[in-house]
Every structure is written in C-alpha cells, then in structure tokens.
Amino acid sequence: MNLAERLSKANSFDEVFELVKRSVEISIGRHRAGLTLILGDLPNFIGAYHILGSNLIVLNKNLLNLVKRKAKSKEEINSYIFTILMHEYLHSLGYTNEEGVRSLVYNICNEYLGKDHLATKIAKDPLSILYPEILNLPSGLSGDFEVVKDFDKDSMSYIG
C-alpha cells in the first residue's frame, strides 16, 4: 500500500504521525522520537506550534474541529493533520526558518503524495483558501489543553 492509501485509511493521530516520520526520514535522513501531542484552544492564526527544545507539539483544536466539520472525507481530515504535524515535526528536528519549513513540507508532500494530493495543496496554500470559514471562526484562548494518548507510541520502549 502506498503512502496516499495509508494516509487515507489512517484512524488516529499516531497512524498519521508514523507516516509523517517515515516520509521525513526517507526524504531528509533525520528523525526523532518521544514527542507528545496536545490539542489546545489557540488563536486561529496559529495552526500548531512546537516549543524549541521540548518534546511537545500543540495543535489548534478549534481549527481541527472546523476541518472535521467541513471535510468531505477522512482523507481530507488526515491530509490536514499530516501537513500540520509534518510542519511541527520538522521544527522539532531543529528546522527553525518558517518559510524553509513550509517549503520542505510542500516538497515532501509533492514527492511522496504527488502535486494533486490534497495534503500537497494544503501545504502550498493558506488553509483559509480551502476553508474560508476560518476567517470568521471565534479565536480561542480558554487555556483548555488535552494530551493525546497513544501518540508516537512506536518510539516508546517496552518496560516489562
């Protein structure tokens, strides 16, 4: 099964993230383990962020919920998650230049998914082109955060 098929069938953040890690490692030869995903109530101009030097990726749950409501398929939701997690994963690998990271996400998506795949299109254009409702979405800052269980579980060592 190719990457696009696996992405369309993924059922969890962890399954999508495994595809992100594999694509990045094949493309640039770098990887890291032990990341934690948090869903947070963030301002709408922030899709997600990684705190440099930490093991945290914080994903904007308001934007994610909008994508889930407006998406026409699981593949569309997974494509959004794939691009946003890849962007933050690259930051966690030490890539700090925002434009450089955006370009790298686009190049990796294009290389492994093709120029017509939705993830590649999301990586290329602002999310508001696909979901103009984002511009009218109330911005959150409630301080509500939740840790996603079983994220990056392939990197956890077994303790018996």
N, C-alpha and C. Protein backbone atom coordinates (compact mmCIF):
# COMPACT_ATOMS: atom_id res chain seq x y z
N MET A 1 0.85 -1.17 0.00
CA MET A 1 0.00 0.00 0.00
C MET A 1 0.90 1.24 0.00
N ASN A 2 0.61 2.19 -0.88
CA ASN A 2 1.45 3.39 -0.95
C ASN A 2 1.06 4.40 0.12
N LEU A 3 1.83 5.46 0.21
CA LEU A 3 1.63 6.45 1.27
C LEU A 3 0.25 7.09 1.21
N ALA A 4 -0.21 7.45 0.02
CA ALA A 4 -1.53 8.09 -0.12
C ALA A 4 -2.63 7.16 0.37
N GLU A 5 -2.54 5.89 0.05
CA GLU A 5 -3.56 4.92 0.51
C GLU A 5 -3.50 4.77 2.02
N ARG A 6 -2.31 4.68 2.56
CA ARG A 6 -2.17 4.54 4.01
C ARG A 6 -2.67 5.78 4.74
N LEU A 7 -2.41 6.95 4.17
CA LEU A 7 -2.90 8.19 4.78
C LEU A 7 -4.42 8.24 4.77
N SER A 8 -5.03 7.83 3.68
CA SER A 8 -6.50 7.88 3.59
C SER A 8 -7.16 6.90 4.55
N LYS A 9 -6.45 5.85 4.94
CA LYS A 9 -7.02 4.83 5.83
C LYS A 9 -6.62 5.00 7.30
N ALA A 10 -5.73 5.93 7.59
CA ALA A 10 -5.26 6.12 8.97
C ALA A 10 -6.43 6.46 9.88
N ASN A 11 -6.40 5.90 11.09
CA ASN A 11 -7.51 6.06 12.03
C ASN A 11 -7.15 6.84 13.30
N SER A 12 -5.93 7.33 13.39
CA SER A 12 -5.53 8.03 14.61
C SER A 12 -4.42 9.02 14.30
N PHE A 13 -4.22 9.93 15.25
CA PHE A 13 -3.09 10.86 15.13
C PHE A 13 -1.79 10.07 15.01
N ASP A 14 -1.66 9.02 15.79
CA ASP A 14 -0.44 8.23 15.80
C ASP A 14 -0.18 7.60 14.43
N GLU A 15 -1.22 7.05 13.80
CA GLU A 15 -1.04 6.43 12.48
C GLU A 15 -0.61 7.47 11.45
N VAL A 16 -1.20 8.65 11.49
CA VAL A 16 -0.80 9.72 10.57
C VAL A 16 0.63 10.14 10.88
N PHE A 17 0.97 10.27 12.16
CA PHE A 17 2.30 10.71 12.54
C PHE A 17 3.38 9.71 12.12
N GLU A 18 3.08 8.43 12.17
CA GLU A 18 4.05 7.43 11.71
C GLU A 18 4.37 7.65 10.23
N LEU A 19 3.36 8.01 9.44
CA LEU A 19 3.58 8.30 8.02
C LEU A 19 4.41 9.57 7.84
N VAL A 20 4.16 10.56 8.70
CA VAL A 20 4.96 11.79 8.68
C VAL A 20 6.42 11.45 8.95
N LYS A 21 6.67 10.72 10.03
CA LYS A 21 8.05 10.41 10.42
C LYS A 21 8.76 9.61 9.33
N ARG A 22 8.08 8.64 8.76
CA ARG A 22 8.69 7.82 7.71
C ARG A 22 9.02 8.67 6.49
N SER A 23 8.10 9.52 6.06
CA SER A 23 8.32 10.38 4.89
C SER A 23 9.49 11.33 5.11
N VAL A 24 9.54 11.94 6.28
CA VAL A 24 10.62 12.88 6.59
C VAL A 24 11.96 12.15 6.65
N GLU A 25 11.99 11.00 7.29
CA GLU A 25 13.26 10.28 7.41
C GLU A 25 13.78 9.85 6.04
N ILE A 26 12.90 9.36 5.19
CA ILE A 26 13.32 8.96 3.84
C ILE A 26 13.80 10.17 3.05
N SER A 27 13.11 11.28 3.21
CA SER A 27 13.41 12.48 2.43
C SER A 27 14.68 13.19 2.89
N ILE A 28 14.82 13.41 4.19
CA ILE A 28 15.97 14.21 4.66
C ILE A 28 16.93 13.44 5.56
N GLY A 29 16.60 12.18 5.85
CA GLY A 29 17.51 11.34 6.62
C GLY A 29 17.58 11.67 8.10
N ARG A 30 16.56 12.32 8.63
CA ARG A 30 16.56 12.68 10.06
C ARG A 30 15.28 12.20 10.71
N HIS A 31 15.39 11.90 12.00
CA HIS A 31 14.21 11.52 12.77
C HIS A 31 14.46 11.81 14.25
N ARG A 32 13.38 11.78 14.99
CA ARG A 32 13.47 11.86 16.45
C ARG A 32 12.26 11.14 17.01
N ALA A 33 12.35 10.81 18.28
CA ALA A 33 11.27 10.05 18.92
C ALA A 33 10.86 10.75 20.20
N GLY A 34 9.77 10.27 20.76
CA GLY A 34 9.35 10.72 22.08
C GLY A 34 8.57 12.02 22.11
N LEU A 35 7.83 12.32 21.05
CA LEU A 35 7.04 13.55 21.05
C LEU A 35 5.66 13.32 21.66
N THR A 36 5.12 14.37 22.24
CA THR A 36 3.78 14.36 22.83
C THR A 36 2.92 15.35 22.06
N LEU A 37 1.70 14.94 21.74
CA LEU A 37 0.76 15.82 21.04
C LEU A 37 -0.29 16.32 22.02
N ILE A 38 -0.50 17.62 22.00
CA ILE A 38 -1.51 18.26 22.84
C ILE A 38 -2.46 19.02 21.93
N LEU A 39 -3.76 18.87 22.18
CA LEU A 39 -4.76 19.66 21.48
C LEU A 39 -5.08 20.86 22.37
N GLY A 40 -4.96 22.05 21.80
CA GLY A 40 -5.14 23.25 22.60
C GLY A 40 -6.08 24.26 21.98
N ASP A 41 -6.65 25.07 22.82
CA ASP A 41 -7.52 26.17 22.41
C ASP A 41 -6.62 27.36 22.11
N LEU A 42 -6.30 27.56 20.83
CA LEU A 42 -5.32 28.57 20.41
C LEU A 42 -5.97 29.63 19.52
N PRO A 43 -5.33 30.78 19.38
CA PRO A 43 -5.80 31.77 18.41
C PRO A 43 -5.79 31.16 17.00
N ASN A 44 -6.72 31.58 16.16
CA ASN A 44 -6.90 30.94 14.86
C ASN A 44 -5.79 31.20 13.85
N PHE A 45 -4.91 32.13 14.13
CA PHE A 45 -3.79 32.34 13.23
C PHE A 45 -2.64 31.38 13.54
N ILE A 46 -2.80 30.54 14.55
CA ILE A 46 -1.79 29.53 14.90
C ILE A 46 -2.39 28.15 14.66
N GLY A 47 -1.87 27.44 13.66
CA GLY A 47 -2.36 26.09 13.38
C GLY A 47 -1.84 25.09 14.39
N ALA A 48 -0.60 25.28 14.78
CA ALA A 48 0.06 24.42 15.77
C ALA A 48 1.39 25.08 16.10
N TYR A 49 2.05 24.57 17.14
CA TYR A 49 3.39 25.06 17.43
C TYR A 49 4.18 23.98 18.17
N HIS A 50 5.49 24.11 18.05
CA HIS A 50 6.43 23.27 18.78
C HIS A 50 7.32 24.21 19.58
N ILE A 51 7.48 23.93 20.85
CA ILE A 51 8.38 24.73 21.68
C ILE A 51 9.78 24.17 21.50
N LEU A 52 10.67 24.98 20.94
CA LEU A 52 12.03 24.53 20.66
C LEU A 52 12.67 23.94 21.91
N GLY A 53 13.26 22.77 21.75
CA GLY A 53 13.93 22.10 22.86
C GLY A 53 13.02 21.23 23.69
N SER A 54 11.74 21.22 23.37
CA SER A 54 10.79 20.40 24.13
C SER A 54 10.39 19.17 23.31
N ASN A 55 9.54 18.34 23.89
CA ASN A 55 9.01 17.20 23.16
C ASN A 55 7.52 17.39 22.87
N LEU A 56 7.06 18.65 22.86
CA LEU A 56 5.64 18.94 22.69
C LEU A 56 5.31 19.52 21.32
N ILE A 57 4.21 19.02 20.76
CA ILE A 57 3.56 19.65 19.62
C ILE A 57 2.16 19.99 20.10
N VAL A 58 1.77 21.26 19.96
CA VAL A 58 0.43 21.70 20.36
C VAL A 58 -0.33 22.03 19.08
N LEU A 59 -1.45 21.35 18.88
CA LEU A 59 -2.28 21.50 17.69
C LEU A 59 -3.54 22.28 18.05
N ASN A 60 -3.90 23.24 17.22
CA ASN A 60 -5.08 24.07 17.45
C ASN A 60 -6.34 23.23 17.25
N LYS A 61 -7.03 22.92 18.35
CA LYS A 61 -8.21 22.05 18.25
C LYS A 61 -9.39 22.77 17.62
N ASN A 62 -9.44 24.10 17.67
CA ASN A 62 -10.52 24.83 17.02
C ASN A 62 -10.44 24.67 15.50
N LEU A 63 -9.24 24.82 14.95
CA LEU A 63 -9.05 24.63 13.51
C LEU A 63 -9.30 23.18 13.13
N LEU A 64 -8.80 22.26 13.94
CA LEU A 64 -9.02 20.84 13.67
C LEU A 64 -10.51 20.52 13.65
N ASN A 65 -11.25 21.04 14.62
CA ASN A 65 -12.69 20.78 14.66
C ASN A 65 -13.41 21.37 13.45
N LEU A 66 -12.97 22.54 12.99
CA LEU A 66 -13.55 23.13 11.78
C LEU A 66 -13.29 22.23 10.58
N VAL A 67 -12.06 21.76 10.43
CA VAL A 67 -11.72 20.87 9.33
C VAL A 67 -12.57 19.60 9.41
N LYS A 68 -12.72 19.05 10.60
CA LYS A 68 -13.54 17.84 10.76
C LYS A 68 -14.99 18.09 10.36
N ARG A 69 -15.52 19.26 10.69
CA ARG A 69 -16.92 19.58 10.33
C ARG A 69 -17.10 19.80 8.84
N LYS A 70 -16.12 20.42 8.19
CA LYS A 70 -16.26 20.81 6.78
C LYS A 70 -15.72 19.77 5.81
N ALA A 71 -14.89 18.88 6.28
CA ALA A 71 -14.25 17.89 5.40
C ALA A 71 -15.29 16.96 4.78
N LYS A 72 -15.00 16.56 3.56
CA LYS A 72 -15.88 15.65 2.85
C LYS A 72 -15.46 14.20 2.99
N SER A 73 -14.29 13.98 3.62
CA SER A 73 -13.80 12.61 3.76
C SER A 73 -12.77 12.53 4.88
N LYS A 74 -12.52 11.31 5.32
CA LYS A 74 -11.46 11.07 6.30
C LYS A 74 -10.11 11.43 5.69
N GLU A 75 -9.95 11.19 4.40
CA GLU A 75 -8.70 11.52 3.72
C GLU A 75 -8.41 13.02 3.81
N GLU A 76 -9.45 13.85 3.73
CA GLU A 76 -9.27 15.30 3.83
C GLU A 76 -8.80 15.69 5.23
N ILE A 77 -9.41 15.10 6.24
CA ILE A 77 -9.00 15.37 7.63
C ILE A 77 -7.56 14.91 7.84
N ASN A 78 -7.26 13.70 7.39
CA ASN A 78 -5.91 13.15 7.56
C ASN A 78 -4.87 13.97 6.81
N SER A 79 -5.24 14.51 5.65
CA SER A 79 -4.31 15.33 4.88
C SER A 79 -3.95 16.60 5.65
N TYR A 80 -4.94 17.20 6.28
CA TYR A 80 -4.69 18.39 7.11
C TYR A 80 -3.76 18.02 8.27
N ILE A 81 -4.10 16.95 8.98
CA ILE A 81 -3.29 16.53 10.13
C ILE A 81 -1.87 16.19 9.69
N PHE A 82 -1.73 15.52 8.56
CA PHE A 82 -0.43 15.14 8.02
C PHE A 82 0.45 16.37 7.81
N THR A 83 -0.09 17.39 7.15
CA THR A 83 0.74 18.56 6.83
C THR A 83 1.10 19.35 8.09
N ILE A 84 0.15 19.49 8.99
CA ILE A 84 0.42 20.31 10.19
C ILE A 84 1.39 19.58 11.12
N LEU A 85 1.23 18.25 11.25
CA LEU A 85 2.18 17.50 12.08
C LEU A 85 3.56 17.48 11.45
N MET A 86 3.64 17.36 10.12
CA MET A 86 4.94 17.38 9.47
C MET A 86 5.64 18.72 9.71
N HIS A 87 4.90 19.79 9.59
CA HIS A 87 5.47 21.12 9.80
C HIS A 87 6.10 21.22 11.20
N GLU A 88 5.35 20.81 12.20
CA GLU A 88 5.85 20.91 13.58
C GLU A 88 6.94 19.88 13.86
N TYR A 89 6.84 18.71 13.24
CA TYR A 89 7.88 17.69 13.39
C TYR A 89 9.21 18.22 12.86
N LEU A 90 9.17 18.90 11.72
CA LEU A 90 10.40 19.49 11.17
C LEU A 90 10.97 20.54 12.13
N HIS A 91 10.10 21.33 12.75
CA HIS A 91 10.60 22.27 13.77
C HIS A 91 11.28 21.49 14.91
N SER A 92 10.69 20.37 15.31
CA SER A 92 11.27 19.58 16.41
C SER A 92 12.63 18.99 16.04
N LEU A 93 12.89 18.88 14.74
CA LEU A 93 14.19 18.39 14.26
C LEU A 93 15.22 19.51 14.15
N GLY A 94 14.81 20.73 14.51
CA GLY A 94 15.75 21.84 14.51
C GLY A 94 15.61 22.80 13.34
N TYR A 95 14.67 22.56 12.46
CA TYR A 95 14.43 23.49 11.36
C TYR A 95 13.61 24.65 11.90
N THR A 96 14.20 25.84 11.96
CA THR A 96 13.52 26.96 12.61
C THR A 96 13.01 28.02 11.64
N ASN A 97 13.52 28.05 10.42
CA ASN A 97 13.07 29.04 9.45
C ASN A 97 11.69 28.67 8.93
N GLU A 98 10.71 29.52 9.22
CA GLU A 98 9.31 29.22 8.90
C GLU A 98 9.08 29.00 7.40
N GLU A 99 9.60 29.87 6.57
CA GLU A 99 9.43 29.70 5.12
C GLU A 99 10.13 28.45 4.62
N GLY A 100 11.31 28.17 5.18
CA GLY A 100 12.03 26.97 4.80
C GLY A 100 11.26 25.71 5.17
N VAL A 101 10.63 25.72 6.34
CA VAL A 101 9.83 24.57 6.78
C VAL A 101 8.61 24.40 5.88
N ARG A 102 7.94 25.50 5.57
CA ARG A 102 6.77 25.41 4.67
C ARG A 102 7.16 24.81 3.33
N SER A 103 8.28 25.27 2.81
CA SER A 103 8.77 24.77 1.52
C SER A 103 9.12 23.29 1.61
N LEU A 104 9.76 22.89 2.69
CA LEU A 104 10.13 21.49 2.87
C LEU A 104 8.89 20.60 2.99
N VAL A 105 7.88 21.04 3.73
CA VAL A 105 6.63 20.28 3.83
C VAL A 105 6.02 20.10 2.45
N TYR A 106 5.95 21.18 1.69
CA TYR A 106 5.40 21.09 0.34
C TYR A 106 6.21 20.11 -0.52
N ASN A 107 7.53 20.22 -0.48
CA ASN A 107 8.38 19.35 -1.30
C ASN A 107 8.22 17.88 -0.93
N ILE A 108 8.14 17.58 0.36
CA ILE A 108 7.98 16.19 0.80
C ILE A 108 6.61 15.67 0.39
N CYS A 109 5.57 16.47 0.59
CA CYS A 109 4.22 16.05 0.18
C CYS A 109 4.17 15.82 -1.33
N ASN A 110 4.74 16.74 -2.08
CA ASN A 110 4.75 16.62 -3.53
C ASN A 110 5.50 15.37 -3.98
N GLU A 111 6.64 15.11 -3.33
CA GLU A 111 7.46 13.95 -3.70
C GLU A 111 6.76 12.63 -3.41
N TYR A 112 6.12 12.51 -2.26
CA TYR A 112 5.57 11.22 -1.84
C TYR A 112 4.07 11.06 -2.07
N LEU A 113 3.36 12.17 -2.25
CA LEU A 113 1.91 12.08 -2.47
C LEU A 113 1.50 12.60 -3.84
N GLY A 114 2.34 13.40 -4.47
CA GLY A 114 2.02 13.95 -5.78
C GLY A 114 1.42 15.34 -5.68
N LYS A 115 1.55 16.10 -6.76
CA LYS A 115 1.11 17.50 -6.73
C LYS A 115 -0.39 17.66 -6.64
N ASP A 116 -1.16 16.64 -7.00
CA ASP A 116 -2.62 16.74 -6.96
C ASP A 116 -3.23 16.25 -5.66
N HIS A 117 -2.42 15.71 -4.77
CA HIS A 117 -2.96 15.22 -3.49
C HIS A 117 -3.35 16.41 -2.61
N LEU A 118 -4.41 16.24 -1.85
CA LEU A 118 -4.91 17.32 -1.01
C LEU A 118 -3.87 17.79 0.01
N ALA A 119 -3.08 16.89 0.57
CA ALA A 119 -2.04 17.30 1.53
C ALA A 119 -1.04 18.24 0.87
N THR A 120 -0.70 17.98 -0.38
CA THR A 120 0.23 18.85 -1.10
C THR A 120 -0.39 20.22 -1.32
N LYS A 121 -1.67 20.24 -1.64
CA LYS A 121 -2.38 21.51 -1.84
C LYS A 121 -2.47 22.29 -0.53
N ILE A 122 -2.75 21.60 0.57
CA ILE A 122 -2.81 22.25 1.88
C ILE A 122 -1.43 22.81 2.24
N ALA A 123 -0.38 22.07 1.91
CA ALA A 123 0.98 22.53 2.21
C ALA A 123 1.36 23.77 1.39
N LYS A 124 0.75 23.91 0.23
CA LYS A 124 1.10 25.01 -0.67
C LYS A 124 0.36 26.31 -0.34
N ASP A 125 -0.92 26.22 -0.03
CA ASP A 125 -1.76 27.40 0.12
C ASP A 125 -2.23 27.58 1.55
N PRO A 126 -2.57 28.81 1.93
CA PRO A 126 -3.14 29.02 3.27
C PRO A 126 -4.42 28.20 3.45
N LEU A 127 -4.64 27.72 4.65
CA LEU A 127 -5.80 26.90 4.95
C LEU A 127 -7.11 27.64 4.67
N SER A 128 -7.09 28.96 4.76
CA SER A 128 -8.31 29.74 4.53
C SER A 128 -8.79 29.67 3.09
N ILE A 129 -7.94 29.25 2.16
CA ILE A 129 -8.40 29.07 0.77
C ILE A 129 -9.32 27.86 0.69
N LEU A 130 -8.97 26.80 1.39
CA LEU A 130 -9.80 25.60 1.40
C LEU A 130 -11.00 25.75 2.33
N TYR A 131 -10.79 26.44 3.44
CA TYR A 131 -11.83 26.63 4.46
C TYR A 131 -11.95 28.12 4.79
N PRO A 132 -12.65 28.90 3.97
CA PRO A 132 -12.76 30.34 4.23
C PRO A 132 -13.45 30.66 5.55
N GLU A 133 -14.18 29.70 6.11
CA GLU A 133 -14.86 29.90 7.39
C GLU A 133 -13.88 30.20 8.52
N ILE A 134 -12.63 29.83 8.33
CA ILE A 134 -11.60 30.08 9.35
C ILE A 134 -11.52 31.57 9.68
N LEU A 135 -11.73 32.38 8.67
CA LEU A 135 -11.62 33.83 8.88
C LEU A 135 -12.68 34.36 9.84
N ASN A 136 -13.80 33.64 9.99
CA ASN A 136 -14.88 34.07 10.87
C ASN A 136 -14.97 33.25 12.15
N LEU A 137 -14.07 32.31 12.32
CA LEU A 137 -14.10 31.44 13.49
C LEU A 137 -13.67 32.24 14.72
N PRO A 138 -14.46 32.17 15.81
CA PRO A 138 -14.03 32.87 17.03
C PRO A 138 -12.68 32.33 17.50
N SER A 139 -11.82 33.22 17.88
CA SER A 139 -10.48 32.83 18.31
C SER A 139 -10.51 32.35 19.76
N GLY A 140 -9.86 31.25 20.01
CA GLY A 140 -9.88 30.67 21.34
C GLY A 140 -8.65 31.01 22.15
N LEU A 141 -8.83 31.08 23.41
CA LEU A 141 -7.73 31.25 24.36
C LEU A 141 -8.20 30.86 25.75
N SER A 142 -8.97 29.78 25.83
CA SER A 142 -9.54 29.38 27.12
C SER A 142 -8.51 28.74 28.04
N GLY A 143 -7.37 28.37 27.48
CA GLY A 143 -6.38 27.66 28.28
C GLY A 143 -6.70 26.19 28.41
N ASP A 144 -7.63 25.71 27.60
CA ASP A 144 -8.05 24.31 27.63
C ASP A 144 -7.10 23.48 26.75
N PHE A 145 -6.40 22.53 27.35
CA PHE A 145 -5.46 21.68 26.63
C PHE A 145 -5.70 20.23 27.02
N GLU A 146 -5.52 19.32 26.05
CA GLU A 146 -5.65 17.90 26.37
C GLU A 146 -4.55 17.11 25.67
N VAL A 147 -3.93 16.20 26.39
CA VAL A 147 -2.88 15.35 25.85
C VAL A 147 -3.52 14.22 25.06
N VAL A 148 -3.01 13.98 23.86
CA VAL A 148 -3.50 12.88 23.02
C VAL A 148 -2.78 11.61 23.46
N LYS A 149 -3.55 10.63 23.89
CA LYS A 149 -2.98 9.36 24.34
C LYS A 149 -2.51 8.53 23.14
N ASP A 150 -1.53 7.70 23.36
CA ASP A 150 -1.00 6.79 22.34
C ASP A 150 -0.46 7.51 21.11
N PHE A 151 0.17 8.65 21.31
CA PHE A 151 0.80 9.38 20.22
C PHE A 151 2.28 9.06 20.22
N ASP A 152 2.84 8.83 19.05
CA ASP A 152 4.26 8.49 18.87
C ASP A 152 4.61 7.25 19.69
N LYS A 153 3.67 6.31 19.73
CA LYS A 153 3.86 5.13 20.57
C LYS A 153 4.92 4.17 20.04
N ASP A 154 5.22 4.23 18.74
CA ASP A 154 6.27 3.36 18.20
C ASP A 154 7.64 3.70 18.78
N SER A 155 7.79 4.91 19.29
CA SER A 155 9.09 5.30 19.83
C SER A 155 9.21 4.99 21.32
N MET A 156 8.12 4.55 21.92
CA MET A 156 8.17 4.21 23.35
C MET A 156 8.81 2.85 23.53
N SER A 157 9.71 2.76 24.47
CA SER A 157 10.34 1.47 24.73
C SER A 157 9.46 0.64 25.65
N TYR A 158 9.59 -0.64 25.52
CA TYR A 158 8.81 -1.56 26.34
C TYR A 158 9.49 -1.71 27.69
N ILE A 159 8.71 -1.56 28.74
CA ILE A 159 9.22 -1.77 30.09
C ILE A 159 8.42 -2.92 30.69
N GLY A 160 9.08 -4.02 30.96
CA GLY A 160 8.37 -5.23 31.41
C GLY A 160 8.51 -5.51 32.85
